Amino acid sequence: MGQQRFRAMYAQHYEAVLRYARRRVGADAAPDVAAEVFATAWRRIDAVPRDALPWLYGVARNTVASHVRAERHAVHLAERVAHTHPPGTGRDAGDQVAARHLVLAAWSSLAEPDRELLALIGWEGLTVRQAARALGCSAATCSVRLHRARARLRSALAQQERGGAGELQGEQDEKGQAWV
């Protein structure tokens, strides 16, 4: 029974979990994240609710967080190496790059819970109720958090457009200096 249920769940939701992972960790690491999510689902098949996708997104969220922590550590090491041998500076690639930088800076200035909630709703297409289940809170709490997260994103975008585009707000190294 569990094996059949797992196979059906895998067939129905693998692509959605893979897309979720791809948007958060990139195309190279996404299959590994998806595999870990389904390995967890297999180990805990009796705990998986009937509507499995929000539960799978919750597992994926935790798996991505572990992956991101490992990547952050690797990036930190790479930055330390880069500071000892800085590459040559290049020219600005254009307005599209500048606009992307504004959005990235605004997105990066948000707290991780705001980014995750906005991504679950916007990228993954979950309803507020489904996102609430993935995040482990009530639908009412999720709705309020979503409203506040959207307001903070609008504010961050406006701030970046007014001239805060030089720094990624809220991102600092161990010395308290903002990352650029």
N, C-alpha and C. Protein backbone atom coordinates (compact mmCIF):
# COMPACT_ATOMS: atom_id res chain seq x y z
N MET A 1 0.83 -1.21 0.00
CA MET A 1 0.00 0.00 0.00
C MET A 1 0.86 1.26 0.00
N GLY A 2 1.89 1.31 0.91
CA GLY A 2 2.76 2.48 1.00
C GLY A 2 3.56 2.69 -0.27
N GLN A 3 4.00 1.60 -0.88
CA GLN A 3 4.79 1.70 -2.09
C GLN A 3 3.96 2.27 -3.24
N GLN A 4 2.72 1.82 -3.37
CA GLN A 4 1.84 2.33 -4.42
C GLN A 4 1.53 3.81 -4.19
N ARG A 5 1.27 4.16 -2.95
CA ARG A 5 0.98 5.56 -2.62
C ARG A 5 2.19 6.44 -2.94
N PHE A 6 3.39 5.95 -2.58
CA PHE A 6 4.59 6.72 -2.86
C PHE A 6 4.79 6.90 -4.37
N ARG A 7 4.60 5.83 -5.12
CA ARG A 7 4.77 5.92 -6.58
C ARG A 7 3.80 6.93 -7.18
N ALA A 8 2.55 6.92 -6.72
CA ALA A 8 1.56 7.87 -7.23
C ALA A 8 1.93 9.29 -6.84
N MET A 9 2.36 9.48 -5.60
CA MET A 9 2.76 10.80 -5.13
C MET A 9 3.97 11.30 -5.92
N TYR A 10 4.93 10.44 -6.13
CA TYR A 10 6.13 10.80 -6.89
C TYR A 10 5.76 11.21 -8.32
N ALA A 11 4.94 10.40 -8.97
CA ALA A 11 4.54 10.70 -10.35
C ALA A 11 3.76 12.01 -10.43
N GLN A 12 2.94 12.27 -9.45
CA GLN A 12 2.10 13.46 -9.47
C GLN A 12 2.87 14.73 -9.10
N HIS A 13 3.83 14.65 -8.19
CA HIS A 13 4.41 15.86 -7.62
C HIS A 13 5.90 16.06 -7.88
N TYR A 14 6.58 15.11 -8.51
CA TYR A 14 8.03 15.26 -8.70
C TYR A 14 8.38 16.54 -9.45
N GLU A 15 7.70 16.80 -10.55
CA GLU A 15 8.03 17.98 -11.35
C GLU A 15 7.82 19.28 -10.58
N ALA A 16 6.77 19.35 -9.77
CA ALA A 16 6.52 20.55 -8.96
C ALA A 16 7.62 20.74 -7.93
N VAL A 17 8.03 19.67 -7.28
CA VAL A 17 9.11 19.76 -6.29
C VAL A 17 10.42 20.12 -6.97
N LEU A 18 10.67 19.56 -8.14
CA LEU A 18 11.88 19.88 -8.88
C LEU A 18 11.90 21.36 -9.28
N ARG A 19 10.76 21.88 -9.76
CA ARG A 19 10.69 23.32 -10.10
C ARG A 19 10.94 24.19 -8.88
N TYR A 20 10.34 23.81 -7.76
CA TYR A 20 10.54 24.52 -6.50
C TYR A 20 12.04 24.58 -6.18
N ALA A 21 12.69 23.44 -6.23
CA ALA A 21 14.12 23.37 -5.92
C ALA A 21 14.95 24.14 -6.94
N ARG A 22 14.60 24.03 -8.21
CA ARG A 22 15.35 24.70 -9.27
C ARG A 22 15.35 26.22 -9.06
N ARG A 23 14.20 26.77 -8.65
CA ARG A 23 14.11 28.21 -8.44
C ARG A 23 14.91 28.66 -7.24
N ARG A 24 15.20 27.77 -6.33
CA ARG A 24 15.88 28.16 -5.11
C ARG A 24 17.36 27.81 -5.09
N VAL A 25 17.73 26.71 -5.73
CA VAL A 25 19.13 26.29 -5.68
C VAL A 25 19.77 26.14 -7.06
N GLY A 26 19.01 26.38 -8.12
CA GLY A 26 19.56 26.28 -9.46
C GLY A 26 19.37 24.90 -10.06
N ALA A 27 19.58 24.83 -11.36
CA ALA A 27 19.32 23.59 -12.11
C ALA A 27 20.26 22.46 -11.74
N ASP A 28 21.49 22.78 -11.35
CA ASP A 28 22.46 21.73 -11.05
C ASP A 28 22.14 20.98 -9.77
N ALA A 29 21.73 21.70 -8.74
CA ALA A 29 21.48 21.07 -7.43
C ALA A 29 20.03 20.63 -7.25
N ALA A 30 19.13 21.11 -8.09
CA ALA A 30 17.71 20.82 -7.91
C ALA A 30 17.37 19.33 -7.90
N PRO A 31 17.92 18.51 -8.80
CA PRO A 31 17.59 17.07 -8.74
C PRO A 31 18.01 16.42 -7.43
N ASP A 32 19.13 16.85 -6.86
CA ASP A 32 19.57 16.30 -5.58
C ASP A 32 18.61 16.69 -4.46
N VAL A 33 18.16 17.94 -4.47
CA VAL A 33 17.20 18.40 -3.47
C VAL A 33 15.90 17.62 -3.61
N ALA A 34 15.40 17.49 -4.84
CA ALA A 34 14.16 16.74 -5.06
C ALA A 34 14.30 15.29 -4.61
N ALA A 35 15.44 14.69 -4.89
CA ALA A 35 15.67 13.30 -4.46
C ALA A 35 15.63 13.19 -2.94
N GLU A 36 16.23 14.16 -2.25
CA GLU A 36 16.22 14.13 -0.79
C GLU A 36 14.81 14.32 -0.25
N VAL A 37 14.03 15.18 -0.89
CA VAL A 37 12.64 15.39 -0.47
C VAL A 37 11.86 14.08 -0.57
N PHE A 38 11.99 13.38 -1.68
CA PHE A 38 11.24 12.14 -1.86
C PHE A 38 11.81 10.99 -1.02
N ALA A 39 13.10 11.05 -0.71
CA ALA A 39 13.65 10.05 0.22
C ALA A 39 13.03 10.25 1.60
N THR A 40 12.88 11.50 2.00
CA THR A 40 12.22 11.80 3.28
C THR A 40 10.76 11.35 3.24
N ALA A 41 10.09 11.62 2.12
CA ALA A 41 8.69 11.19 1.98
C ALA A 41 8.58 9.68 2.07
N TRP A 42 9.51 8.96 1.49
CA TRP A 42 9.49 7.50 1.54
C TRP A 42 9.67 7.01 2.98
N ARG A 43 10.64 7.62 3.69
CA ARG A 43 10.89 7.22 5.08
C ARG A 43 9.70 7.54 5.98
N ARG A 44 8.96 8.60 5.64
CA ARG A 44 7.86 9.05 6.50
C ARG A 44 6.51 8.93 5.79
N ILE A 45 6.36 7.95 4.94
CA ILE A 45 5.16 7.82 4.11
C ILE A 45 3.87 7.84 4.93
N ASP A 46 3.91 7.30 6.13
CA ASP A 46 2.70 7.30 6.96
C ASP A 46 2.36 8.69 7.50
N ALA A 47 3.32 9.59 7.53
CA ALA A 47 3.09 10.95 8.02
C ALA A 47 2.65 11.91 6.91
N VAL A 48 2.76 11.47 5.66
CA VAL A 48 2.41 12.35 4.53
C VAL A 48 0.89 12.47 4.44
N PRO A 49 0.37 13.70 4.48
CA PRO A 49 -1.09 13.87 4.40
C PRO A 49 -1.61 13.54 3.00
N ARG A 50 -2.92 13.43 2.89
CA ARG A 50 -3.57 13.10 1.62
C ARG A 50 -3.20 14.13 0.54
N ASP A 51 -3.28 15.42 0.89
CA ASP A 51 -2.86 16.49 -0.02
C ASP A 51 -1.37 16.69 0.21
N ALA A 52 -0.54 15.94 -0.51
CA ALA A 52 0.88 15.82 -0.20
C ALA A 52 1.72 17.01 -0.62
N LEU A 53 1.30 17.76 -1.63
CA LEU A 53 2.19 18.80 -2.17
C LEU A 53 2.61 19.84 -1.14
N PRO A 54 1.71 20.42 -0.37
CA PRO A 54 2.18 21.38 0.64
C PRO A 54 3.17 20.75 1.63
N TRP A 55 2.93 19.50 2.02
CA TRP A 55 3.85 18.81 2.92
C TRP A 55 5.20 18.64 2.25
N LEU A 56 5.20 18.25 0.98
CA LEU A 56 6.45 18.09 0.23
C LEU A 56 7.19 19.42 0.12
N TYR A 57 6.44 20.52 -0.09
CA TYR A 57 7.08 21.84 -0.12
C TYR A 57 7.71 22.17 1.23
N GLY A 58 7.07 21.78 2.32
CA GLY A 58 7.66 22.00 3.65
C GLY A 58 8.97 21.25 3.81
N VAL A 59 8.99 20.00 3.37
CA VAL A 59 10.22 19.21 3.41
C VAL A 59 11.27 19.83 2.48
N ALA A 60 10.83 20.26 1.31
CA ALA A 60 11.76 20.89 0.35
C ALA A 60 12.35 22.17 0.94
N ARG A 61 11.52 22.91 1.64
CA ARG A 61 12.00 24.15 2.26
C ARG A 61 13.14 23.85 3.23
N ASN A 62 12.97 22.83 4.06
CA ASN A 62 14.03 22.46 5.00
C ASN A 62 15.27 21.93 4.29
N THR A 63 15.06 21.16 3.25
CA THR A 63 16.17 20.61 2.48
C THR A 63 16.93 21.73 1.78
N VAL A 64 16.21 22.68 1.20
CA VAL A 64 16.84 23.83 0.55
C VAL A 64 17.62 24.64 1.57
N ALA A 65 17.05 24.83 2.76
CA ALA A 65 17.75 25.60 3.79
C ALA A 65 19.08 24.96 4.13
N SER A 66 19.11 23.65 4.25
CA SER A 66 20.38 22.95 4.52
C SER A 66 21.36 23.14 3.37
N HIS A 67 20.85 23.04 2.16
CA HIS A 67 21.70 23.22 0.98
C HIS A 67 22.25 24.65 0.94
N VAL A 68 21.39 25.63 1.21
CA VAL A 68 21.80 27.03 1.16
C VAL A 68 22.86 27.32 2.21
N ARG A 69 22.71 26.75 3.40
CA ARG A 69 23.73 26.94 4.43
C ARG A 69 25.08 26.42 3.95
N ALA A 70 25.08 25.27 3.33
CA ALA A 70 26.33 24.71 2.81
C ALA A 70 26.89 25.58 1.69
N GLU A 71 26.02 26.06 0.81
CA GLU A 71 26.47 26.94 -0.28
C GLU A 71 27.01 28.26 0.26
N ARG A 72 26.33 28.81 1.27
CA ARG A 72 26.77 30.07 1.86
C ARG A 72 28.18 29.93 2.42
N HIS A 73 28.42 28.81 3.04
CA HIS A 73 29.76 28.55 3.56
C HIS A 73 30.78 28.51 2.43
N ALA A 74 30.43 27.84 1.35
CA ALA A 74 31.33 27.75 0.20
C ALA A 74 31.57 29.13 -0.43
N VAL A 75 30.51 29.93 -0.53
CA VAL A 75 30.63 31.28 -1.09
C VAL A 75 31.52 32.13 -0.21
N HIS A 76 31.34 32.02 1.09
CA HIS A 76 32.15 32.79 2.03
C HIS A 76 33.64 32.47 1.83
N LEU A 77 33.94 31.20 1.68
CA LEU A 77 35.32 30.81 1.44
C LEU A 77 35.83 31.35 0.11
N ALA A 78 34.97 31.30 -0.92
CA ALA A 78 35.37 31.82 -2.23
C ALA A 78 35.61 33.32 -2.18
N GLU A 79 34.78 34.04 -1.42
CA GLU A 79 34.97 35.48 -1.28
C GLU A 79 36.28 35.80 -0.60
N ARG A 80 36.63 35.02 0.40
CA ARG A 80 37.90 35.25 1.08
C ARG A 80 39.06 35.05 0.12
N VAL A 81 38.96 34.05 -0.74
CA VAL A 81 40.01 33.83 -1.74
C VAL A 81 40.01 34.96 -2.76
N ALA A 82 38.83 35.39 -3.19
CA ALA A 82 38.73 36.45 -4.20
C ALA A 82 39.31 37.77 -3.69
N HIS A 83 39.16 38.04 -2.41
CA HIS A 83 39.70 39.29 -1.86
C HIS A 83 41.22 39.29 -1.84
N THR A 84 41.81 38.13 -1.83
CA THR A 84 43.27 38.08 -1.86
C THR A 84 43.79 38.22 -3.29
N HIS A 85 42.96 37.88 -4.29
CA HIS A 85 43.31 37.99 -5.71
C HIS A 85 42.13 38.57 -6.48
N PRO A 86 41.83 39.89 -6.33
CA PRO A 86 40.65 40.45 -6.99
C PRO A 86 40.78 40.43 -8.52
N PRO A 87 39.70 40.04 -9.21
CA PRO A 87 39.71 40.05 -10.68
C PRO A 87 39.60 41.49 -11.20
N GLY A 88 39.86 41.68 -12.48
CA GLY A 88 39.71 43.00 -13.09
C GLY A 88 38.25 43.42 -13.10
N THR A 89 38.02 44.71 -13.06
CA THR A 89 36.64 45.20 -13.06
C THR A 89 36.13 45.29 -14.49
N GLY A 90 34.84 45.06 -14.65
CA GLY A 90 34.22 45.11 -15.97
C GLY A 90 33.25 46.28 -16.09
N ARG A 91 32.75 46.48 -17.28
CA ARG A 91 31.79 47.56 -17.53
C ARG A 91 30.38 47.08 -17.23
N ASP A 92 29.51 48.06 -16.99
CA ASP A 92 28.09 47.77 -16.74
C ASP A 92 27.49 47.15 -17.99
N ALA A 93 26.71 46.09 -17.81
CA ALA A 93 26.12 45.38 -18.94
C ALA A 93 24.84 46.03 -19.43
N GLY A 94 24.30 47.01 -18.74
CA GLY A 94 23.14 47.74 -19.25
C GLY A 94 22.00 47.87 -18.27
N ASP A 95 20.94 48.46 -18.77
CA ASP A 95 19.77 48.74 -17.94
C ASP A 95 19.12 47.47 -17.39
N GLN A 96 19.12 46.41 -18.17
CA GLN A 96 18.50 45.18 -17.70
C GLN A 96 19.22 44.62 -16.48
N VAL A 97 20.52 44.72 -16.48
CA VAL A 97 21.30 44.26 -15.34
C VAL A 97 21.02 45.15 -14.14
N ALA A 98 20.93 46.46 -14.37
CA ALA A 98 20.64 47.39 -13.27
C ALA A 98 19.27 47.12 -12.67
N ALA A 99 18.28 46.87 -13.52
CA ALA A 99 16.94 46.57 -13.02
C ALA A 99 16.93 45.27 -12.23
N ARG A 100 17.64 44.27 -12.74
CA ARG A 100 17.72 43.00 -12.03
C ARG A 100 18.39 43.19 -10.68
N HIS A 101 19.41 44.03 -10.65
CA HIS A 101 20.10 44.31 -9.40
C HIS A 101 19.16 44.97 -8.39
N LEU A 102 18.32 45.89 -8.86
CA LEU A 102 17.36 46.54 -7.98
C LEU A 102 16.41 45.52 -7.35
N VAL A 103 15.90 44.63 -8.18
CA VAL A 103 14.98 43.62 -7.67
C VAL A 103 15.71 42.66 -6.73
N LEU A 104 16.89 42.23 -7.10
CA LEU A 104 17.67 41.34 -6.25
C LEU A 104 17.98 42.00 -4.91
N ALA A 105 18.35 43.27 -4.95
CA ALA A 105 18.66 43.98 -3.71
C ALA A 105 17.42 44.09 -2.83
N ALA A 106 16.28 44.41 -3.44
CA ALA A 106 15.04 44.50 -2.67
C ALA A 106 14.67 43.13 -2.10
N TRP A 107 14.76 42.08 -2.92
CA TRP A 107 14.45 40.72 -2.48
C TRP A 107 15.39 40.31 -1.35
N SER A 108 16.67 40.59 -1.51
CA SER A 108 17.65 40.21 -0.50
C SER A 108 17.47 40.96 0.80
N SER A 109 16.87 42.13 0.75
CA SER A 109 16.67 42.90 1.98
C SER A 109 15.55 42.32 2.84
N LEU A 110 14.72 41.48 2.25
CA LEU A 110 13.63 40.87 3.01
C LEU A 110 14.18 39.77 3.91
N ALA A 111 13.52 39.54 4.99
CA ALA A 111 13.86 38.42 5.87
C ALA A 111 13.52 37.11 5.15
N GLU A 112 14.22 36.04 5.50
CA GLU A 112 14.00 34.75 4.84
C GLU A 112 12.55 34.29 4.92
N PRO A 113 11.85 34.46 6.06
CA PRO A 113 10.45 34.02 6.09
C PRO A 113 9.57 34.78 5.08
N ASP A 114 9.84 36.07 4.87
CA ASP A 114 9.08 36.84 3.87
C ASP A 114 9.36 36.31 2.47
N ARG A 115 10.64 36.07 2.16
CA ARG A 115 11.00 35.55 0.83
C ARG A 115 10.35 34.20 0.59
N GLU A 116 10.40 33.33 1.59
CA GLU A 116 9.84 31.99 1.42
C GLU A 116 8.33 32.05 1.18
N LEU A 117 7.63 32.84 1.97
CA LEU A 117 6.18 32.95 1.80
C LEU A 117 5.82 33.53 0.44
N LEU A 118 6.49 34.59 0.04
CA LEU A 118 6.22 35.19 -1.27
C LEU A 118 6.52 34.21 -2.40
N ALA A 119 7.58 33.42 -2.25
CA ALA A 119 7.93 32.44 -3.27
C ALA A 119 6.90 31.31 -3.33
N LEU A 120 6.44 30.84 -2.18
CA LEU A 120 5.43 29.78 -2.19
C LEU A 120 4.16 30.23 -2.89
N ILE A 121 3.75 31.47 -2.66
CA ILE A 121 2.53 32.00 -3.27
C ILE A 121 2.78 32.37 -4.73
N GLY A 122 3.83 33.13 -4.98
CA GLY A 122 4.07 33.65 -6.33
C GLY A 122 4.66 32.65 -7.30
N TRP A 123 5.69 31.94 -6.90
CA TRP A 123 6.38 31.02 -7.80
C TRP A 123 5.74 29.65 -7.83
N GLU A 124 5.39 29.15 -6.65
CA GLU A 124 4.86 27.79 -6.58
C GLU A 124 3.36 27.73 -6.82
N GLY A 125 2.69 28.88 -6.75
CA GLY A 125 1.26 28.92 -7.03
C GLY A 125 0.39 28.30 -5.94
N LEU A 126 0.90 28.25 -4.71
CA LEU A 126 0.09 27.70 -3.63
C LEU A 126 -0.97 28.71 -3.20
N THR A 127 -2.05 28.19 -2.66
CA THR A 127 -3.04 29.05 -2.04
C THR A 127 -2.51 29.43 -0.66
N VAL A 128 -3.14 30.40 -0.04
CA VAL A 128 -2.73 30.80 1.30
C VAL A 128 -2.85 29.62 2.27
N ARG A 129 -3.92 28.86 2.16
CA ARG A 129 -4.11 27.69 3.03
C ARG A 129 -2.99 26.66 2.83
N GLN A 130 -2.64 26.40 1.58
CA GLN A 130 -1.57 25.43 1.31
C GLN A 130 -0.22 25.95 1.79
N ALA A 131 0.05 27.22 1.57
CA ALA A 131 1.29 27.81 2.05
C ALA A 131 1.36 27.75 3.57
N ALA A 132 0.24 27.98 4.22
CA ALA A 132 0.19 27.91 5.68
C ALA A 132 0.59 26.51 6.15
N ARG A 133 0.08 25.49 5.48
CA ARG A 133 0.43 24.12 5.86
C ARG A 133 1.91 23.86 5.64
N ALA A 134 2.45 24.35 4.52
CA ALA A 134 3.87 24.16 4.23
C ALA A 134 4.74 24.86 5.26
N LEU A 135 4.27 25.99 5.77
CA LEU A 135 5.05 26.78 6.74
C LEU A 135 4.74 26.42 8.19
N GLY A 136 3.70 25.60 8.39
CA GLY A 136 3.36 25.17 9.74
C GLY A 136 2.65 26.23 10.57
N CYS A 137 1.77 27.02 9.93
CA CYS A 137 1.00 28.03 10.67
C CYS A 137 -0.45 27.99 10.17
N SER A 138 -1.30 28.79 10.81
CA SER A 138 -2.71 28.82 10.40
C SER A 138 -2.86 29.65 9.12
N ALA A 139 -3.97 29.44 8.42
CA ALA A 139 -4.24 30.21 7.20
C ALA A 139 -4.38 31.70 7.52
N ALA A 140 -5.00 32.02 8.66
CA ALA A 140 -5.16 33.44 9.03
C ALA A 140 -3.81 34.08 9.28
N THR A 141 -2.94 33.39 9.99
CA THR A 141 -1.59 33.92 10.25
C THR A 141 -0.83 34.07 8.94
N CYS A 142 -0.95 33.09 8.08
CA CYS A 142 -0.27 33.14 6.78
C CYS A 142 -0.77 34.32 5.95
N SER A 143 -2.05 34.58 5.97
CA SER A 143 -2.63 35.69 5.22
C SER A 143 -2.08 37.03 5.71
N VAL A 144 -1.99 37.18 7.02
CA VAL A 144 -1.45 38.42 7.58
C VAL A 144 0.03 38.55 7.22
N ARG A 145 0.77 37.45 7.34
CA ARG A 145 2.20 37.48 6.99
C ARG A 145 2.40 37.81 5.52
N LEU A 146 1.54 37.28 4.66
CA LEU A 146 1.63 37.56 3.23
C LEU A 146 1.39 39.04 2.95
N HIS A 147 0.37 39.60 3.57
CA HIS A 147 0.08 41.03 3.40
C HIS A 147 1.29 41.87 3.82
N ARG A 148 1.86 41.55 4.96
CA ARG A 148 3.01 42.30 5.46
C ARG A 148 4.25 42.09 4.59
N ALA A 149 4.46 40.87 4.11
CA ALA A 149 5.61 40.58 3.26
C ALA A 149 5.51 41.35 1.94
N ARG A 150 4.31 41.39 1.37
CA ARG A 150 4.12 42.16 0.13
C ARG A 150 4.39 43.65 0.37
N ALA A 151 3.93 44.17 1.49
CA ALA A 151 4.16 45.59 1.80
C ALA A 151 5.66 45.85 1.97
N ARG A 152 6.36 44.94 2.64
CA ARG A 152 7.81 45.12 2.82
C ARG A 152 8.55 45.04 1.49
N LEU A 153 8.10 44.16 0.59
CA LEU A 153 8.74 44.07 -0.72
C LEU A 153 8.51 45.36 -1.52
N ARG A 154 7.27 45.87 -1.51
CA ARG A 154 6.99 47.14 -2.20
C ARG A 154 7.87 48.25 -1.64
N SER A 155 7.99 48.32 -0.34
CA SER A 155 8.80 49.34 0.31
C SER A 155 10.28 49.19 -0.06
N ALA A 156 10.76 47.95 -0.07
CA ALA A 156 12.16 47.70 -0.42
C ALA A 156 12.44 48.07 -1.88
N LEU A 157 11.50 47.77 -2.78
CA LEU A 157 11.67 48.16 -4.18
C LEU A 157 11.71 49.68 -4.32
N ALA A 158 10.81 50.36 -3.63
CA ALA A 158 10.78 51.82 -3.68
C ALA A 158 12.09 52.39 -3.13
N GLN A 159 12.59 51.83 -2.06
CA GLN A 159 13.85 52.29 -1.47
C GLN A 159 15.00 52.09 -2.45
N GLN A 160 15.04 50.95 -3.11
CA GLN A 160 16.10 50.69 -4.09
C GLN A 160 16.02 51.66 -5.25
N GLU A 161 14.80 51.96 -5.71
CA GLU A 161 14.63 52.89 -6.83
C GLU A 161 15.04 54.30 -6.46
N ARG A 162 14.90 54.65 -5.17
CA ARG A 162 15.28 55.99 -4.71
C ARG A 162 16.77 56.15 -4.53
N GLY A 163 17.53 55.07 -4.67
CA GLY A 163 18.97 55.24 -4.58
C GLY A 163 19.67 54.28 -3.67
N GLY A 164 18.98 53.33 -3.11
CA GLY A 164 19.63 52.36 -2.25
C GLY A 164 20.14 51.17 -3.01
N ALA A 165 20.31 51.31 -4.35
CA ALA A 165 20.68 50.16 -5.18
C ALA A 165 22.12 49.75 -5.03
N GLY A 166 22.93 50.54 -4.34
CA GLY A 166 24.34 50.21 -4.22
C GLY A 166 24.62 49.08 -3.25
N GLU A 167 23.70 48.83 -2.33
CA GLU A 167 23.96 47.81 -1.33
C GLU A 167 22.81 46.82 -1.27
N LEU A 168 23.13 45.62 -0.90
CA LEU A 168 22.10 44.64 -0.59
C LEU A 168 21.75 44.87 0.86
N GLN A 169 20.61 45.46 1.13
CA GLN A 169 20.22 45.82 2.48
C GLN A 169 20.13 44.59 3.35
N GLY A 170 20.68 44.71 4.57
CA GLY A 170 20.56 43.64 5.54
C GLY A 170 21.61 42.56 5.42
N GLU A 171 22.39 42.52 4.36
CA GLU A 171 23.42 41.50 4.19
C GLU A 171 24.74 42.08 4.66
N GLN A 172 25.35 41.45 5.66
CA GLN A 172 26.59 41.96 6.20
C GLN A 172 27.56 40.82 6.43
N ASP A 173 28.84 41.18 6.41
CA ASP A 173 29.84 40.17 6.73
C ASP A 173 30.05 40.15 8.24
N GLU A 174 31.03 39.34 8.70
CA GLU A 174 31.23 39.20 10.13
C GLU A 174 31.73 40.47 10.79
N LYS A 175 32.25 41.44 10.02
CA LYS A 175 32.71 42.71 10.57
C LYS A 175 31.62 43.76 10.57
N GLY A 176 30.39 43.39 10.12
CA GLY A 176 29.27 44.33 10.11
C GLY A 176 29.24 45.24 8.90
N GLN A 177 30.09 44.96 7.91
CA GLN A 177 30.11 45.78 6.71
C GLN A 177 29.15 45.19 5.69
N ALA A 178 28.39 46.09 5.01
CA ALA A 178 27.42 45.63 4.03
C ALA A 178 28.10 45.04 2.82
N TRP A 179 27.53 43.96 2.30
CA TRP A 179 28.03 43.35 1.06
C TRP A 179 27.56 44.19 -0.10
N VAL A 180 28.37 44.33 -1.09
CA VAL A 180 27.99 45.08 -2.29
C VAL A 180 27.89 44.12 -3.44
